[in-house]
Amino acid sequence: MNAALYEDQMRVTSIPYCTSKLVIFSGVPLAKDSYITNSGKYYVTIKADPDSIPVLPTLGQHWSVKGARQIENMEVGDYVMQQHTYESP
């Protein structure tokens, strides 16, 4: 069975974890080929080996990611948002 591939564009808003073996960064989804926020109902998280990505993430960067994703519902204050997680895309 092949896992479906998904694609998201995002603007990096946080980098909660960064070591020599793993970097985790999150951001808001962007409309394709634009700087405008696509949706306020979910956010994108990427977990990757720093050696497998072209550069280390920095706040404000725009990233395009393609791969298998997991979707989880996360409580943020009084709201429930979806977290789209890509691992080693």
N, C-alpha and C. Protein backbone atom coordinates (compact mmCIF):
# COMPACT_ATOMS: atom_id res chain seq x y z
N MET A 1 0.84 -1.18 0.00
CA MET A 1 0.00 0.00 0.00
C MET A 1 0.88 1.24 0.00
N ASN A 2 0.62 2.16 -0.89
CA ASN A 2 1.38 3.41 -0.97
C ASN A 2 0.74 4.47 -0.10
N ALA A 3 1.57 5.16 0.65
CA ALA A 3 1.06 6.27 1.46
C ALA A 3 0.83 7.45 0.53
N ALA A 4 -0.27 8.15 0.73
CA ALA A 4 -0.57 9.32 -0.10
C ALA A 4 0.42 10.43 0.22
N LEU A 5 0.82 11.16 -0.82
CA LEU A 5 1.71 12.29 -0.63
C LEU A 5 0.89 13.57 -0.64
N TYR A 6 1.18 14.42 0.30
CA TYR A 6 0.50 15.70 0.43
C TYR A 6 1.54 16.80 0.30
N GLU A 7 1.07 18.00 0.02
CA GLU A 7 1.99 19.14 -0.13
C GLU A 7 1.42 20.35 0.59
N ASP A 8 2.27 21.06 1.29
CA ASP A 8 1.89 22.28 1.99
C ASP A 8 2.98 23.33 1.79
N GLN A 9 2.57 24.58 1.75
CA GLN A 9 3.49 25.70 1.83
C GLN A 9 3.26 26.34 3.19
N MET A 10 4.34 26.78 3.83
CA MET A 10 4.20 27.33 5.18
C MET A 10 5.20 28.45 5.41
N ARG A 11 4.89 29.28 6.42
CA ARG A 11 5.82 30.29 6.93
C ARG A 11 6.22 29.85 8.32
N VAL A 12 7.50 29.74 8.59
CA VAL A 12 8.00 29.26 9.88
C VAL A 12 7.69 30.29 10.97
N THR A 13 7.01 29.84 12.04
CA THR A 13 6.68 30.73 13.15
C THR A 13 7.30 30.29 14.46
N SER A 14 7.75 29.02 14.54
CA SER A 14 8.43 28.57 15.76
C SER A 14 9.35 27.41 15.46
N ILE A 15 10.43 27.33 16.24
CA ILE A 15 11.41 26.25 16.14
C ILE A 15 11.62 25.73 17.56
N PRO A 16 10.71 24.85 18.04
CA PRO A 16 10.77 24.45 19.44
C PRO A 16 11.89 23.47 19.79
N TYR A 17 12.50 22.82 18.78
CA TYR A 17 13.52 21.81 19.09
C TYR A 17 14.54 21.77 17.96
N CYS A 18 15.82 21.83 18.31
CA CYS A 18 16.87 21.78 17.30
C CYS A 18 18.13 21.19 17.91
N THR A 19 18.52 19.99 17.43
CA THR A 19 19.77 19.36 17.83
C THR A 19 20.49 18.91 16.56
N SER A 20 21.63 18.25 16.72
CA SER A 20 22.37 17.76 15.55
C SER A 20 21.69 16.57 14.89
N LYS A 21 20.73 15.94 15.58
CA LYS A 21 20.05 14.76 15.03
C LYS A 21 18.61 15.03 14.58
N LEU A 22 17.96 16.06 15.14
CA LEU A 22 16.56 16.31 14.83
C LEU A 22 16.24 17.80 14.96
N VAL A 23 15.46 18.29 14.01
CA VAL A 23 14.94 19.65 14.11
C VAL A 23 13.43 19.57 13.92
N ILE A 24 12.70 20.30 14.77
CA ILE A 24 11.24 20.38 14.69
C ILE A 24 10.89 21.85 14.54
N PHE A 25 10.13 22.15 13.48
CA PHE A 25 9.68 23.53 13.31
C PHE A 25 8.25 23.54 12.81
N SER A 26 7.55 24.62 13.16
CA SER A 26 6.12 24.75 12.86
C SER A 26 5.85 26.08 12.20
N GLY A 27 4.68 26.15 11.56
CA GLY A 27 4.30 27.40 10.94
C GLY A 27 2.87 27.41 10.44
N VAL A 28 2.50 28.54 9.89
CA VAL A 28 1.15 28.70 9.36
C VAL A 28 1.14 28.34 7.88
N PRO A 29 0.05 27.71 7.43
CA PRO A 29 -0.02 27.35 6.01
C PRO A 29 -0.22 28.59 5.14
N LEU A 30 0.38 28.56 3.96
CA LEU A 30 0.26 29.66 3.01
C LEU A 30 -0.45 29.19 1.76
N ALA A 31 -1.13 30.11 1.08
CA ALA A 31 -1.72 29.80 -0.22
C ALA A 31 -0.57 29.50 -1.19
N LYS A 32 -0.81 28.62 -2.15
CA LYS A 32 0.24 28.21 -3.08
C LYS A 32 0.81 29.42 -3.82
N ASP A 33 2.15 29.51 -3.84
CA ASP A 33 2.88 30.59 -4.51
C ASP A 33 2.46 31.98 -4.03
N SER A 34 2.22 32.11 -2.73
CA SER A 34 1.78 33.38 -2.17
C SER A 34 2.35 33.54 -0.76
N TYR A 35 2.24 34.73 -0.22
CA TYR A 35 2.64 34.99 1.16
C TYR A 35 1.41 35.10 2.07
N ILE A 36 0.21 34.91 1.51
CA ILE A 36 -1.04 35.08 2.26
C ILE A 36 -1.39 33.79 2.99
N THR A 37 -1.79 33.91 4.26
CA THR A 37 -2.17 32.75 5.06
C THR A 37 -3.33 32.03 4.41
N ASN A 38 -3.21 30.70 4.32
CA ASN A 38 -4.22 29.88 3.64
C ASN A 38 -5.38 29.52 4.55
N SER A 39 -5.10 29.15 5.80
CA SER A 39 -6.15 28.70 6.71
C SER A 39 -5.73 28.96 8.14
N GLY A 40 -6.69 29.31 8.95
CA GLY A 40 -6.42 29.49 10.38
C GLY A 40 -6.88 28.29 11.18
N LYS A 41 -7.24 27.20 10.49
CA LYS A 41 -7.79 26.03 11.18
C LYS A 41 -6.75 24.95 11.45
N TYR A 42 -5.57 25.09 10.86
CA TYR A 42 -4.52 24.10 11.12
C TYR A 42 -3.16 24.77 11.04
N TYR A 43 -2.16 24.06 11.53
CA TYR A 43 -0.79 24.52 11.38
C TYR A 43 0.07 23.33 10.97
N VAL A 44 1.22 23.62 10.42
CA VAL A 44 2.09 22.60 9.85
C VAL A 44 3.32 22.43 10.74
N THR A 45 3.68 21.18 11.03
CA THR A 45 4.88 20.87 11.80
C THR A 45 5.75 19.93 10.98
N ILE A 46 7.04 20.20 10.94
CA ILE A 46 7.99 19.35 10.22
C ILE A 46 9.02 18.83 11.20
N LYS A 47 9.25 17.51 11.16
CA LYS A 47 10.29 16.87 11.96
C LYS A 47 11.27 16.25 10.97
N ALA A 48 12.53 16.68 11.02
CA ALA A 48 13.50 16.20 10.04
C ALA A 48 14.90 16.16 10.62
N ASP A 49 15.75 15.35 9.99
CA ASP A 49 17.17 15.31 10.28
C ASP A 49 17.78 16.57 9.66
N PRO A 50 18.52 17.37 10.44
CA PRO A 50 19.09 18.62 9.89
C PRO A 50 19.97 18.40 8.66
N ASP A 51 20.58 17.21 8.54
CA ASP A 51 21.43 16.93 7.38
C ASP A 51 20.63 16.64 6.12
N SER A 52 19.32 16.38 6.27
CA SER A 52 18.49 16.02 5.11
C SER A 52 17.75 17.21 4.51
N ILE A 53 17.89 18.39 5.12
CA ILE A 53 17.21 19.58 4.60
C ILE A 53 18.27 20.56 4.09
N PRO A 54 17.92 21.40 3.12
CA PRO A 54 18.93 22.27 2.50
C PRO A 54 19.56 23.29 3.45
N VAL A 55 18.77 23.90 4.33
CA VAL A 55 19.27 24.87 5.31
C VAL A 55 18.49 24.68 6.59
N LEU A 56 19.05 25.14 7.70
CA LEU A 56 18.30 25.10 8.95
C LEU A 56 17.19 26.15 8.91
N PRO A 57 16.05 25.84 9.50
CA PRO A 57 14.94 26.79 9.46
C PRO A 57 15.21 28.04 10.30
N THR A 58 14.65 29.15 9.85
CA THR A 58 14.73 30.43 10.55
C THR A 58 13.33 31.03 10.55
N LEU A 59 13.00 31.74 11.61
CA LEU A 59 11.68 32.37 11.70
C LEU A 59 11.42 33.25 10.48
N GLY A 60 10.22 33.12 9.91
CA GLY A 60 9.83 33.93 8.77
C GLY A 60 10.09 33.30 7.42
N GLN A 61 10.91 32.24 7.38
CA GLN A 61 11.17 31.58 6.10
C GLN A 61 9.91 30.94 5.54
N HIS A 62 9.83 30.86 4.22
CA HIS A 62 8.74 30.14 3.55
C HIS A 62 9.29 28.78 3.10
N TRP A 63 8.57 27.71 3.45
CA TRP A 63 8.98 26.36 3.10
C TRP A 63 7.87 25.68 2.32
N SER A 64 8.27 24.81 1.41
CA SER A 64 7.34 23.93 0.71
C SER A 64 7.71 22.51 1.12
N VAL A 65 6.72 21.75 1.56
CA VAL A 65 6.98 20.39 2.04
C VAL A 65 6.05 19.43 1.32
N LYS A 66 6.58 18.25 1.00
CA LYS A 66 5.78 17.24 0.32
C LYS A 66 6.13 15.89 0.95
N GLY A 67 5.10 15.11 1.28
CA GLY A 67 5.32 13.80 1.87
C GLY A 67 4.08 13.28 2.55
N ALA A 68 4.25 12.18 3.27
CA ALA A 68 3.14 11.63 4.05
C ALA A 68 2.95 12.50 5.29
N ARG A 69 1.71 12.66 5.71
CA ARG A 69 1.46 13.51 6.88
C ARG A 69 0.52 12.80 7.84
N GLN A 70 0.61 13.21 9.10
CA GLN A 70 -0.32 12.77 10.14
C GLN A 70 -1.12 14.00 10.55
N ILE A 71 -2.41 13.79 10.82
CA ILE A 71 -3.26 14.89 11.27
C ILE A 71 -3.76 14.57 12.67
N GLU A 72 -3.52 15.50 13.60
CA GLU A 72 -3.99 15.35 14.98
C GLU A 72 -4.78 16.60 15.36
N ASN A 73 -5.78 16.41 16.20
CA ASN A 73 -6.50 17.55 16.77
C ASN A 73 -5.79 17.98 18.04
N MET A 74 -5.44 19.25 18.13
CA MET A 74 -4.72 19.79 19.27
C MET A 74 -5.54 20.90 19.91
N GLU A 75 -5.63 20.87 21.25
CA GLU A 75 -6.32 21.95 21.96
C GLU A 75 -5.35 23.10 22.18
N VAL A 76 -5.74 24.27 21.73
CA VAL A 76 -4.94 25.48 21.90
C VAL A 76 -5.84 26.48 22.60
N GLY A 77 -5.68 26.59 23.91
CA GLY A 77 -6.58 27.44 24.69
C GLY A 77 -7.99 26.87 24.62
N ASP A 78 -8.93 27.69 24.19
CA ASP A 78 -10.33 27.27 24.06
C ASP A 78 -10.65 26.74 22.67
N TYR A 79 -9.65 26.61 21.82
CA TYR A 79 -9.88 26.20 20.43
C TYR A 79 -9.28 24.83 20.18
N VAL A 80 -9.81 24.14 19.17
CA VAL A 80 -9.24 22.88 18.70
C VAL A 80 -8.75 23.13 17.28
N MET A 81 -7.44 22.92 17.08
CA MET A 81 -6.84 23.11 15.76
C MET A 81 -6.26 21.79 15.29
N GLN A 82 -6.11 21.65 13.99
CA GLN A 82 -5.46 20.46 13.46
C GLN A 82 -3.97 20.74 13.31
N GLN A 83 -3.17 19.73 13.65
CA GLN A 83 -1.73 19.80 13.44
C GLN A 83 -1.39 18.81 12.33
N HIS A 84 -0.85 19.31 11.21
CA HIS A 84 -0.42 18.46 10.11
C HIS A 84 1.08 18.24 10.28
N THR A 85 1.48 17.00 10.58
CA THR A 85 2.88 16.70 10.87
C THR A 85 3.50 15.90 9.73
N TYR A 86 4.63 16.39 9.24
CA TYR A 86 5.42 15.68 8.23
C TYR A 86 6.70 15.22 8.91
N GLU A 87 6.98 13.91 8.87
CA GLU A 87 8.21 13.38 9.45
C GLU A 87 9.15 12.95 8.33
N SER A 88 10.35 13.49 8.33
CA SER A 88 11.36 13.20 7.31
C SER A 88 10.80 13.27 5.90
N PRO A 89 10.23 14.42 5.53
CA PRO A 89 9.63 14.53 4.18
C PRO A 89 10.69 14.53 3.08
